[in-house]
PDB file of all heavy atoms in Angstrom:
ATOM      1  N   VAL A   1      65.147 -15.942 -90.226  1.00  0.00           N
ATOM      2  CA  VAL A   1      64.503 -15.039 -91.189  1.00  0.00           C
ATOM      3  C   VAL A   1      65.524 -14.699 -92.269  1.00  0.00           C
ATOM      4  O   VAL A   1      66.736 -14.680 -92.025  1.00  0.00           O
ATOM      5  CB  VAL A   1      63.988 -13.761 -90.505  1.00  0.00           C
ATOM      6  CG1 VAL A   1      62.998 -14.096 -89.410  1.00  0.00           C
ATOM      7  CG2 VAL A   1      65.131 -12.931 -89.951  1.00  0.00           C
ATOM      8  N   SER A   2      65.017 -14.425 -93.459  1.00  0.00           N
ATOM      9  CA  SER A   2      65.926 -14.072 -94.565  1.00  0.00           C
ATOM     10  C   SER A   2      65.436 -12.858 -95.323  1.00  0.00           C
ATOM     11  O   SER A   2      65.841 -12.615 -96.454  1.00  0.00           O
ATOM     12  CB  SER A   2      66.076 -15.260 -95.522  1.00  0.00           C
ATOM     13  OG  SER A   2      64.831 -15.634 -96.081  1.00  0.00           O
ATOM     14  N   GLY A   3      64.553 -12.094 -94.685  1.00  0.00           N
ATOM     15  CA  GLY A   3      64.051 -10.901 -95.342  1.00  0.00           C
ATOM     16  C   GLY A   3      63.558  -9.884 -94.336  1.00  0.00           C
ATOM     17  O   GLY A   3      63.261 -10.216 -93.182  1.00  0.00           O
ATOM     18  N   THR A   4      63.448  -8.642 -94.778  1.00  0.00           N
ATOM     19  CA  THR A   4      62.929  -7.551 -93.965  1.00  0.00           C
ATOM     20  C   THR A   4      61.634  -7.049 -94.600  1.00  0.00           C
ATOM     21  O   THR A   4      61.596  -6.857 -95.818  1.00  0.00           O
ATOM     22  CB  THR A   4      63.944  -6.394 -93.903  1.00  0.00           C
ATOM     23  OG1 THR A   4      65.157  -6.866 -93.311  1.00  0.00           O
ATOM     24  CG2 THR A   4      63.397  -5.244 -93.080  1.00  0.00           C
ATOM     25  N   PRO A   5      60.577  -6.864 -93.826  1.00  0.00           N
ATOM     26  CA  PRO A   5      59.338  -6.341 -94.407  1.00  0.00           C
ATOM     27  C   PRO A   5      59.575  -5.089 -95.232  1.00  0.00           C
ATOM     28  O   PRO A   5      60.312  -4.185 -94.820  1.00  0.00           O
ATOM     29  CB  PRO A   5      58.473  -6.052 -93.175  1.00  0.00           C
ATOM     30  CG  PRO A   5      58.954  -7.036 -92.150  1.00  0.00           C
ATOM     31  CD  PRO A   5      60.443  -7.128 -92.375  1.00  0.00           C
ATOM     32  N   ALA A   6      58.946  -5.033 -96.394  1.00  0.00           N
ATOM     33  CA  ALA A   6      59.172  -3.924 -97.324  1.00  0.00           C
ATOM     34  C   ALA A   6      58.771  -2.580 -96.733  1.00  0.00           C
ATOM     35  O   ALA A   6      59.364  -1.545 -97.061  1.00  0.00           O
ATOM     36  CB  ALA A   6      58.403  -4.177 -98.621  1.00  0.00           C
ATOM     37  N   PHE A   7      57.756  -2.587 -95.856  1.00  0.00           N
ATOM     38  CA  PHE A   7      57.235  -1.343 -95.298  1.00  0.00           C
ATOM     39  C   PHE A   7      57.491  -1.272 -93.787  1.00  0.00           C
ATOM     40  O   PHE A   7      56.617  -0.836 -93.024  1.00  0.00           O
ATOM     41  CB  PHE A   7      55.742  -1.229 -95.579  1.00  0.00           C
ATOM     42  CG  PHE A   7      55.400  -1.265 -97.050  1.00  0.00           C
ATOM     43  CD1 PHE A   7      54.713  -2.347 -97.586  1.00  0.00           C
ATOM     44  CD2 PHE A   7      55.753  -0.231 -97.889  1.00  0.00           C
ATOM     45  CE1 PHE A   7      54.381  -2.391 -98.932  1.00  0.00           C
ATOM     46  CE2 PHE A   7      55.435  -0.253 -99.243  1.00  0.00           C
ATOM     47  CZ  PHE A   7      54.747  -1.339 -99.764  1.00  0.00           C
ATOM     48  N   LEU A   8      58.672  -1.669 -93.383  1.00  0.00           N
ATOM     49  CA  LEU A   8      58.979  -1.754 -91.954  1.00  0.00           C
ATOM     50  C   LEU A   8      58.802  -0.412 -91.244  1.00  0.00           C
ATOM     51  O   LEU A   8      58.209  -0.346 -90.151  1.00  0.00           O
ATOM     52  CB  LEU A   8      60.409  -2.262 -91.762  1.00  0.00           C
ATOM     53  CG  LEU A   8      60.852  -2.476 -90.306  1.00  0.00           C
ATOM     54  CD1 LEU A   8      59.948  -3.468 -89.591  1.00  0.00           C
ATOM     55  CD2 LEU A   8      62.310  -2.938 -90.259  1.00  0.00           C
ATOM     56  N   GLU A   9      59.271   0.661 -91.816  1.00  0.00           N
ATOM     57  CA  GLU A   9      59.152   1.967 -91.160  1.00  0.00           C
ATOM     58  C   GLU A   9      57.693   2.407 -91.049  1.00  0.00           C
ATOM     59  O   GLU A   9      57.300   3.033 -90.052  1.00  0.00           O
ATOM     60  CB  GLU A   9      59.980   3.010 -91.916  1.00  0.00           C
ATOM     61  CG  GLU A   9      61.484   2.765 -91.805  1.00  0.00           C
ATOM     62  CD  GLU A   9      62.304   3.835 -92.500  1.00  0.00           C
ATOM     63  OE1 GLU A   9      61.702   4.751 -93.117  1.00  0.00           O
ATOM     64  OE2 GLU A   9      63.547   3.760 -92.428  1.00  0.00           O
ATOM     65  N   ARG A  10      56.880   2.061 -92.042  1.00  0.00           N
ATOM     66  CA  ARG A  10      55.460   2.399 -91.969  1.00  0.00           C
ATOM     67  C   ARG A  10      54.773   1.558 -90.893  1.00  0.00           C
ATOM     68  O   ARG A  10      53.845   2.043 -90.219  1.00  0.00           O
ATOM     69  CB  ARG A  10      54.798   2.197 -93.329  1.00  0.00           C
ATOM     70  CG  ARG A  10      55.297   3.172 -94.378  1.00  0.00           C
ATOM     71  CD  ARG A  10      54.558   3.044 -95.704  1.00  0.00           C
ATOM     72  NE  ARG A  10      53.166   3.454 -95.586  1.00  0.00           N
ATOM     73  CZ  ARG A  10      52.361   3.633 -96.631  1.00  0.00           C
ATOM     74  NH1 ARG A  10      52.832   3.457 -97.866  1.00  0.00           N
ATOM     75  NH2 ARG A  10      51.102   3.998 -96.458  1.00  0.00           N
ATOM     76  N   ALA A  11      55.211   0.321 -90.716  1.00  0.00           N
ATOM     77  CA  ALA A  11      54.675  -0.509 -89.644  1.00  0.00           C
ATOM     78  C   ALA A  11      55.064   0.055 -88.278  1.00  0.00           C
ATOM     79  O   ALA A  11      54.266   0.038 -87.327  1.00  0.00           O
ATOM     80  CB  ALA A  11      55.176  -1.944 -89.782  1.00  0.00           C
ATOM     81  N   GLU A  12      56.276   0.555 -88.158  1.00  0.00           N
ATOM     82  CA  GLU A  12      56.708   1.162 -86.901  1.00  0.00           C
ATOM     83  C   GLU A  12      55.870   2.399 -86.586  1.00  0.00           C
ATOM     84  O   GLU A  12      55.594   2.681 -85.408  1.00  0.00           O
ATOM     85  CB  GLU A  12      58.202   1.510 -86.978  1.00  0.00           C
ATOM     86  CG  GLU A  12      59.085   0.269 -86.956  1.00  0.00           C
ATOM     87  CD  GLU A  12      60.560   0.588 -87.099  1.00  0.00           C
ATOM     88  OE1 GLU A  12      60.894   1.547 -87.831  1.00  0.00           O
ATOM     89  OE2 GLU A  12      61.385  -0.123 -86.505  1.00  0.00           O
ATOM     90  N   ARG A  13      55.459   3.118 -87.598  1.00  0.00           N
ATOM     91  CA  ARG A  13      54.588   4.274 -87.368  1.00  0.00           C
ATOM     92  C   ARG A  13      53.239   3.825 -86.807  1.00  0.00           C
ATOM     93  O   ARG A  13      52.706   4.442 -85.877  1.00  0.00           O
ATOM     94  CB  ARG A  13      54.393   5.043 -88.685  1.00  0.00           C
ATOM     95  CG  ARG A  13      53.447   6.230 -88.572  1.00  0.00           C
ATOM     96  CD  ARG A  13      53.943   7.249 -87.581  1.00  0.00           C
ATOM     97  NE  ARG A  13      52.990   8.341 -87.419  1.00  0.00           N
ATOM     98  CZ  ARG A  13      52.758   8.950 -86.258  1.00  0.00           C
ATOM     99  NH1 ARG A  13      53.414   8.578 -85.153  1.00  0.00           N
ATOM    100  NH2 ARG A  13      51.877   9.923 -86.185  1.00  0.00           N
ATOM    101  N   ILE A  14      52.690   2.737 -87.365  1.00  0.00           N
ATOM    102  CA  ILE A  14      51.435   2.199 -86.835  1.00  0.00           C
ATOM    103  C   ILE A  14      51.620   1.760 -85.391  1.00  0.00           C
ATOM    104  O   ILE A  14      50.774   2.043 -84.536  1.00  0.00           O
ATOM    105  CB  ILE A  14      50.955   1.017 -87.703  1.00  0.00           C
ATOM    106  CG1 ILE A  14      50.519   1.512 -89.079  1.00  0.00           C
ATOM    107  CG2 ILE A  14      49.806   0.278 -87.021  1.00  0.00           C
ATOM    108  CD1 ILE A  14      50.136   0.409 -90.046  1.00  0.00           C
ATOM    109  N   ARG A  15      52.716   1.081 -85.104  1.00  0.00           N
ATOM    110  CA  ARG A  15      52.995   0.672 -83.715  1.00  0.00           C
ATOM    111  C   ARG A  15      53.009   1.871 -82.782  1.00  0.00           C
ATOM    112  O   ARG A  15      52.421   1.830 -81.683  1.00  0.00           O
ATOM    113  CB  ARG A  15      54.338  -0.054 -83.653  1.00  0.00           C
ATOM    114  CG  ARG A  15      54.780  -0.425 -82.234  1.00  0.00           C
ATOM    115  CD  ARG A  15      56.285  -0.532 -82.121  1.00  0.00           C
ATOM    116  NE  ARG A  15      56.957   0.711 -82.504  1.00  0.00           N
ATOM    117  CZ  ARG A  15      58.272   0.801 -82.725  1.00  0.00           C
ATOM    118  NH1 ARG A  15      59.037  -0.267 -82.629  1.00  0.00           N
ATOM    119  NH2 ARG A  15      58.808   1.974 -83.053  1.00  0.00           N
ATOM    120  N   ASP A  16      53.668   2.934 -83.182  1.00  0.00           N
ATOM    121  CA  ASP A  16      53.769   4.114 -82.325  1.00  0.00           C
ATOM    122  C   ASP A  16      52.389   4.713 -82.044  1.00  0.00           C
ATOM    123  O   ASP A  16      52.124   5.187 -80.933  1.00  0.00           O
ATOM    124  CB  ASP A  16      54.678   5.154 -82.975  1.00  0.00           C
ATOM    125  CG  ASP A  16      56.134   4.699 -83.039  1.00  0.00           C
ATOM    126  OD1 ASP A  16      56.485   3.727 -82.335  1.00  0.00           O
ATOM    127  OD2 ASP A  16      56.907   5.300 -83.813  1.00  0.00           O
ATOM    128  N   ILE A  17      51.526   4.709 -83.044  1.00  0.00           N
ATOM    129  CA  ILE A  17      50.171   5.226 -82.853  1.00  0.00           C
ATOM    130  C   ILE A  17      49.388   4.325 -81.912  1.00  0.00           C
ATOM    131  O   ILE A  17      48.691   4.800 -80.999  1.00  0.00           O
ATOM    132  CB  ILE A  17      49.464   5.363 -84.214  1.00  0.00           C
ATOM    133  CG1 ILE A  17      50.096   6.499 -85.013  1.00  0.00           C
ATOM    134  CG2 ILE A  17      47.968   5.608 -84.029  1.00  0.00           C
ATOM    135  CD1 ILE A  17      49.608   6.603 -86.431  1.00  0.00           C
ATOM    136  N   LEU A  18      49.495   3.012 -82.086  1.00  0.00           N
ATOM    137  CA  LEU A  18      48.780   2.074 -81.218  1.00  0.00           C
ATOM    138  C   LEU A  18      49.252   2.184 -79.774  1.00  0.00           C
ATOM    139  O   LEU A  18      48.469   1.982 -78.839  1.00  0.00           O
ATOM    140  CB  LEU A  18      48.967   0.643 -81.720  1.00  0.00           C
ATOM    141  CG  LEU A  18      48.252   0.290 -83.029  1.00  0.00           C
ATOM    142  CD1 LEU A  18      48.656  -1.110 -83.484  1.00  0.00           C
ATOM    143  CD2 LEU A  18      46.737   0.363 -82.847  1.00  0.00           C
ATOM    144  N   ARG A  19      50.504   2.504 -79.563  1.00  0.00           N
ATOM    145  CA  ARG A  19      51.035   2.656 -78.210  1.00  0.00           C
ATOM    146  C   ARG A  19      50.350   3.792 -77.452  1.00  0.00           C
ATOM    147  O   ARG A  19      50.336   3.804 -76.218  1.00  0.00           O
ATOM    148  CB  ARG A  19      52.544   2.926 -78.261  1.00  0.00           C
ATOM    149  CG  ARG A  19      53.400   1.678 -78.369  1.00  0.00           C
ATOM    150  CD  ARG A  19      54.862   2.065 -78.420  1.00  0.00           C
ATOM    151  NE  ARG A  19      55.721   0.891 -78.369  1.00  0.00           N
ATOM    152  CZ  ARG A  19      57.031   0.911 -78.608  1.00  0.00           C
ATOM    153  NH1 ARG A  19      57.619   2.063 -78.921  1.00  0.00           N
ATOM    154  NH2 ARG A  19      57.742  -0.196 -78.538  1.00  0.00           N
ATOM    155  N   GLU A  20      49.810   4.747 -78.175  1.00  0.00           N
ATOM    156  CA  GLU A  20      49.146   5.877 -77.538  1.00  0.00           C
ATOM    157  C   GLU A  20      47.743   5.526 -77.058  1.00  0.00           C
ATOM    158  O   GLU A  20      47.130   6.297 -76.311  1.00  0.00           O
ATOM    159  CB  GLU A  20      49.084   7.044 -78.527  1.00  0.00           C
ATOM    160  CG  GLU A  20      50.461   7.554 -78.946  1.00  0.00           C
ATOM    161  CD  GLU A  20      50.370   8.607 -80.040  1.00  0.00           C
ATOM    162  OE1 GLU A  20      49.240   8.939 -80.457  1.00  0.00           O
ATOM    163  OE2 GLU A  20      51.436   9.086 -80.486  1.00  0.00           O
ATOM    164  N   TYR A  21      47.218   4.391 -77.476  1.00  0.00           N
ATOM    165  CA  TYR A  21      45.883   3.971 -77.091  1.00  0.00           C
ATOM    166  C   TYR A  21      45.909   3.336 -75.702  1.00  0.00           C
ATOM    167  O   TYR A  21      46.821   2.559 -75.381  1.00  0.00           O
ATOM    168  CB  TYR A  21      45.339   2.944 -78.090  1.00  0.00           C
ATOM    169  CG  TYR A  21      44.780   3.531 -79.369  1.00  0.00           C
ATOM    170  CD1 TYR A  21      45.476   4.512 -80.082  1.00  0.00           C
ATOM    171  CD2 TYR A  21      43.567   3.095 -79.876  1.00  0.00           C
ATOM    172  CE1 TYR A  21      44.967   5.045 -81.255  1.00  0.00           C
ATOM    173  CE2 TYR A  21      43.049   3.616 -81.060  1.00  0.00           C
ATOM    174  CZ  TYR A  21      43.754   4.591 -81.737  1.00  0.00           C
ATOM    175  OH  TYR A  21      43.250   5.111 -82.895  1.00  0.00           O
ATOM    176  N   ASP A  22      44.919   3.643 -74.885  1.00  0.00           N
ATOM    177  CA  ASP A  22      44.793   2.919 -73.619  1.00  0.00           C
ATOM    178  C   ASP A  22      44.041   1.616 -73.878  1.00  0.00           C
ATOM    179  O   ASP A  22      43.615   1.323 -74.995  1.00  0.00           O
ATOM    180  CB  ASP A  22      44.113   3.778 -72.554  1.00  0.00           C
ATOM    181  CG  ASP A  22      42.685   4.187 -72.921  1.00  0.00           C
ATOM    182  OD1 ASP A  22      42.005   3.451 -73.664  1.00  0.00           O
ATOM    183  OD2 ASP A  22      42.236   5.249 -72.456  1.00  0.00           O
ATOM    184  N   ARG A  23      43.861   0.830 -72.825  1.00  0.00           N
ATOM    185  CA  ARG A  23      43.255  -0.501 -72.994  1.00  0.00           C
ATOM    186  C   ARG A  23      41.836  -0.426 -73.560  1.00  0.00           C
ATOM    187  O   ARG A  23      41.457  -1.230 -74.413  1.00  0.00           O
ATOM    188  CB  ARG A  23      43.262  -1.253 -71.662  1.00  0.00           C
ATOM    189  CG  ARG A  23      44.632  -1.816 -71.269  1.00  0.00           C
ATOM    190  CD  ARG A  23      44.539  -2.517 -69.926  1.00  0.00           C
ATOM    191  NE  ARG A  23      45.746  -3.246 -69.579  1.00  0.00           N
ATOM    192  CZ  ARG A  23      46.822  -2.701 -69.014  1.00  0.00           C
ATOM    193  NH1 ARG A  23      46.828  -1.387 -68.760  1.00  0.00           N
ATOM    194  NH2 ARG A  23      47.867  -3.443 -68.708  1.00  0.00           N
ATOM    195  N   GLU A  24      41.051   0.508 -73.098  1.00  0.00           N
ATOM    196  CA  GLU A  24      39.671   0.610 -73.569  1.00  0.00           C
ATOM    197  C   GLU A  24      39.613   1.022 -75.040  1.00  0.00           C
ATOM    198  O   GLU A  24      38.773   0.532 -75.801  1.00  0.00           O
ATOM    199  CB  GLU A  24      38.878   1.597 -72.708  1.00  0.00           C
ATOM    200  CG  GLU A  24      38.508   1.049 -71.340  1.00  0.00           C
ATOM    201  CD  GLU A  24      37.721  -0.254 -71.450  1.00  0.00           C
ATOM    202  OE1 GLU A  24      36.759  -0.307 -72.239  1.00  0.00           O
ATOM    203  OE2 GLU A  24      38.076  -1.228 -70.759  1.00  0.00           O
ATOM    204  N   GLU A  25      40.495   1.922 -75.431  1.00  0.00           N
ATOM    205  CA  GLU A  25      40.536   2.327 -76.840  1.00  0.00           C
ATOM    206  C   GLU A  25      40.966   1.166 -77.730  1.00  0.00           C
ATOM    207  O   GLU A  25      40.413   0.955 -78.821  1.00  0.00           O
ATOM    208  CB  GLU A  25      41.487   3.509 -77.009  1.00  0.00           C
ATOM    209  CG  GLU A  25      40.959   4.806 -76.402  1.00  0.00           C
ATOM    210  CD  GLU A  25      42.002   5.900 -76.398  1.00  0.00           C
ATOM    211  OE1 GLU A  25      43.198   5.600 -76.169  1.00  0.00           O
ATOM    212  OE2 GLU A  25      41.625   7.069 -76.631  1.00  0.00           O
ATOM    213  N   LEU A  26      41.948   0.396 -77.256  1.00  0.00           N
ATOM    214  CA  LEU A  26      42.381  -0.782 -78.014  1.00  0.00           C
ATOM    215  C   LEU A  26      41.266  -1.817 -78.102  1.00  0.00           C
ATOM    216  O   LEU A  26      41.076  -2.444 -79.150  1.00  0.00           O
ATOM    217  CB  LEU A  26      43.614  -1.413 -77.374  1.00  0.00           C
ATOM    218  CG  LEU A  26      44.970  -0.779 -77.662  1.00  0.00           C
ATOM    219  CD1 LEU A  26      46.057  -1.529 -76.916  1.00  0.00           C
ATOM    220  CD2 LEU A  26      45.262  -0.755 -79.158  1.00  0.00           C
ATOM    221  N   LYS A  27      40.558  -1.995 -77.017  1.00  0.00           N
ATOM    222  CA  LYS A  27      39.468  -2.971 -77.011  1.00  0.00           C
ATOM    223  C   LYS A  27      38.419  -2.634 -78.057  1.00  0.00           C
ATOM    224  O   LYS A  27      37.929  -3.519 -78.773  1.00  0.00           O
ATOM    225  CB  LYS A  27      38.833  -3.034 -75.616  1.00  0.00           C
ATOM    226  CG  LYS A  27      37.758  -4.096 -75.478  1.00  0.00           C
ATOM    227  CD  LYS A  27      37.218  -4.149 -74.057  1.00  0.00           C
ATOM    228  CE  LYS A  27      36.147  -5.232 -73.921  1.00  0.00           C
ATOM    229  NZ  LYS A  27      35.641  -5.313 -72.531  1.00  0.00           N
ATOM    230  N   ARG A  28      38.093  -1.350 -78.180  1.00  0.00           N
ATOM    231  CA  ARG A  28      37.121  -0.934 -79.192  1.00  0.00           C
ATOM    232  C   ARG A  28      37.689  -1.113 -80.604  1.00  0.00           C
ATOM    233  O   ARG A  28      36.974  -1.525 -81.523  1.00  0.00           O
ATOM    234  CB  ARG A  28      36.708   0.523 -78.964  1.00  0.00           C
ATOM    235  CG  ARG A  28      35.827   0.722 -77.736  1.00  0.00           C
ATOM    236  CD  ARG A  28      35.210   2.106 -77.736  1.00  0.00           C
ATOM    237  NE  ARG A  28      36.210   3.160 -77.579  1.00  0.00           N
ATOM    238  CZ  ARG A  28      36.625   3.635 -76.421  1.00  0.00           C
ATOM    239  NH1 ARG A  28      36.128   3.145 -75.281  1.00  0.00           N
ATOM    240  NH2 ARG A  28      37.531   4.605 -76.359  1.00  0.00           N
ATOM    241  N   LEU A  29      38.967  -0.805 -80.768  1.00  0.00           N
ATOM    242  CA  LEU A  29      39.592  -0.957 -82.077  1.00  0.00           C
ATOM    243  C   LEU A  29      39.643  -2.423 -82.489  1.00  0.00           C
ATOM    244  O   LEU A  29      39.319  -2.774 -83.633  1.00  0.00           O
ATOM    245  CB  LEU A  29      41.009  -0.377 -82.048  1.00  0.00           C
ATOM    246  CG  LEU A  29      41.804  -0.496 -83.347  1.00  0.00           C
ATOM    247  CD1 LEU A  29      41.224   0.440 -84.409  1.00  0.00           C
ATOM    248  CD2 LEU A  29      43.281  -0.197 -83.104  1.00  0.00           C
ATOM    249  N   TYR A  30      40.057  -3.274 -81.554  1.00  0.00           N
ATOM    250  CA  TYR A  30      40.186  -4.702 -81.840  1.00  0.00           C
ATOM    251  C   TYR A  30      38.841  -5.422 -81.876  1.00  0.00           C
ATOM    252  O   TYR A  30      38.727  -6.495 -82.463  1.00  0.00           O
ATOM    253  CB  TYR A  30      41.043  -5.387 -80.770  1.00  0.00           C
ATOM    254  CG  TYR A  30      42.496  -4.991 -80.750  1.00  0.00           C
ATOM    255  CD1 TYR A  30      43.219  -5.017 -79.555  1.00  0.00           C
ATOM    256  CD2 TYR A  30      43.171  -4.606 -81.907  1.00  0.00           C
ATOM    257  CE1 TYR A  30      44.562  -4.681 -79.520  1.00  0.00           C
ATOM    258  CE2 TYR A  30      44.508  -4.256 -81.873  1.00  0.00           C
ATOM    259  CZ  TYR A  30      45.201  -4.303 -80.678  1.00  0.00           C
ATOM    260  OH  TYR A  30      46.523  -3.976 -80.638  1.00  0.00           O
ATOM    261  N   GLN A  31      37.840  -4.840 -81.196  1.00  0.00           N
ATOM    262  CA  GLN A  31      36.564  -5.528 -80.991  1.00  0.00           C
ATOM    263  C   GLN A  31      36.818  -6.906 -80.388  1.00  0.00           C
ATOM    264  O   GLN A  31      36.315  -7.926 -80.863  1.00  0.00           O
ATOM    265  CB  GLN A  31      35.788  -5.638 -82.311  1.00  0.00           C
ATOM    266  CG  GLN A  31      35.415  -4.288 -82.898  1.00  0.00           C
ATOM    267  CD  GLN A  31      34.587  -4.374 -84.161  1.00  0.00           C
ATOM    268  OE1 GLN A  31      34.247  -5.456 -84.631  1.00  0.00           O
ATOM    269  NE2 GLN A  31      34.246  -3.230 -84.719  1.00  0.00           N
ATOM    270  N   ALA A  32      37.623  -6.890 -79.327  1.00  0.00           N
ATOM    271  CA  ALA A  32      38.076  -8.129 -78.686  1.00  0.00           C
ATOM    272  C   ALA A  32      37.735  -8.103 -77.201  1.00  0.00           C
ATOM    273  O   ALA A  32      37.331  -7.074 -76.642  1.00  0.00           O
ATOM    274  CB  ALA A  32      39.581  -8.290 -78.872  1.00  0.00           C
ATOM    275  N   ASN A  33      37.923  -9.247 -76.544  1.00  0.00           N
ATOM    276  CA  ASN A  33      37.649  -9.326 -75.115  1.00  0.00           C
ATOM    277  C   ASN A  33      38.824  -8.759 -74.306  1.00  0.00           C
ATOM    278  O   ASN A  33      39.868  -8.377 -74.858  1.00  0.00           O
ATOM    279  CB  ASN A  33      37.331 -10.762 -74.699  1.00  0.00           C
ATOM    280  CG  ASN A  33      38.473 -11.733 -74.986  1.00  0.00           C
ATOM    281  OD1 ASN A  33      39.645 -11.372 -74.921  1.00  0.00           O
ATOM    282  ND2 ASN A  33      38.126 -12.978 -75.306  1.00  0.00           N
ATOM    283  N   ASP A  34      38.657  -8.724 -72.981  1.00  0.00           N
ATOM    284  CA  ASP A  34      39.678  -8.125 -72.117  1.00  0.00           C
ATOM    285  C   ASP A  34      40.999  -8.880 -72.179  1.00  0.00           C
ATOM    286  O   ASP A  34      42.074  -8.268 -72.172  1.00  0.00           O
ATOM    287  CB  ASP A  34      39.177  -8.082 -70.669  1.00  0.00           C
ATOM    288  CG  ASP A  34      38.055  -7.074 -70.464  1.00  0.00           C
ATOM    289  OD1 ASP A  34      37.966  -6.115 -71.268  1.00  0.00           O
ATOM    290  OD2 ASP A  34      37.264  -7.254 -69.520  1.00  0.00           O
ATOM    291  N   LYS A  35      40.939 -10.198 -72.245  1.00  0.00           N
ATOM    292  CA  LYS A  35      42.164 -11.010 -72.251  1.00  0.00           C
ATOM    293  C   LYS A  35      43.004 -10.720 -73.488  1.00  0.00           C
ATOM    294  O   LYS A  35      44.223 -10.513 -73.400  1.00  0.00           O
ATOM    295  CB  LYS A  35      41.803 -12.492 -72.186  1.00  0.00           C
ATOM    296  CG  LYS A  35      43.010 -13.419 -72.148  1.00  0.00           C
ATOM    297  CD  LYS A  35      42.577 -14.870 -72.036  1.00  0.00           C
ATOM    298  CE  LYS A  35      43.787 -15.800 -71.993  1.00  0.00           C
ATOM    299  NZ  LYS A  35      43.365 -17.233 -71.908  1.00  0.00           N
ATOM    300  N   ILE A  36      42.379 -10.713 -74.654  1.00  0.00           N
ATOM    301  CA  ILE A  36      43.098 -10.450 -75.899  1.00  0.00           C
ATOM    302  C   ILE A  36      43.619  -9.018 -75.918  1.00  0.00           C
ATOM    303  O   ILE A  36      44.758  -8.747 -76.320  1.00  0.00           O
ATOM    304  CB  ILE A  36      42.186 -10.712 -77.106  1.00  0.00           C
ATOM    305  CG1 ILE A  36      41.914 -12.216 -77.238  1.00  0.00           C
ATOM    306  CG2 ILE A  36      42.804 -10.170 -78.389  1.00  0.00           C
ATOM    307  CD1 ILE A  36      40.885 -12.564 -78.287  1.00  0.00           C
ATOM    308  N   THR A  37      42.793  -8.086 -75.457  1.00  0.00           N
ATOM    309  CA  THR A  37      43.201  -6.685 -75.425  1.00  0.00           C
ATOM    310  C   THR A  37      44.406  -6.481 -74.525  1.00  0.00           C
ATOM    311  O   THR A  37      45.367  -5.799 -74.898  1.00  0.00           O
ATOM    312  CB  THR A  37      42.041  -5.804 -74.950  1.00  0.00           C
ATOM    313  OG1 THR A  37      40.937  -5.951 -75.847  1.00  0.00           O
ATOM    314  CG2 THR A  37      42.453  -4.339 -74.893  1.00  0.00           C
ATOM    315  N   ASP A  38      44.375  -7.073 -73.334  1.00  0.00           N
ATOM    316  CA  ASP A  38      45.480  -6.911 -72.385  1.00  0.00           C
ATOM    317  C   ASP A  38      46.773  -7.502 -72.931  1.00  0.00           C
ATOM    318  O   ASP A  38      47.850  -6.901 -72.805  1.00  0.00           O
ATOM    319  CB  ASP A  38      45.120  -7.567 -71.055  1.00  0.00           C
ATOM    320  CG  ASP A  38      46.114  -7.208 -69.956  1.00  0.00           C
ATOM    321  OD1 ASP A  38      46.265  -6.007 -69.663  1.00  0.00           O
ATOM    322  OD2 ASP A  38      46.764  -8.138 -69.420  1.00  0.00           O
ATOM    323  N   LEU A  39      46.672  -8.696 -73.561  1.00  0.00           N
ATOM    324  CA  LEU A  39      47.855  -9.327 -74.157  1.00  0.00           C
ATOM    325  C   LEU A  39      48.496  -8.405 -75.179  1.00  0.00           C
ATOM    326  O   LEU A  39      49.724  -8.202 -75.172  1.00  0.00           O
ATOM    327  CB  LEU A  39      47.466 -10.648 -74.817  1.00  0.00           C
ATOM    328  CG  LEU A  39      48.539 -11.301 -75.715  1.00  0.00           C
ATOM    329  CD1 LEU A  39      49.763 -11.683 -74.909  1.00  0.00           C
ATOM    330  CD2 LEU A  39      47.961 -12.512 -76.449  1.00  0.00           C
TER     331      LEU A  39
END
């Protein structure tokens, strides 16, 4: 890699929020199946 995302800290904030979601909440957000959600 030769660059850093311009909004890296804002992306980390999104990650932190997503970490608070359980599997069912993520599944609804992603509108995905169990396999994709679990991954």
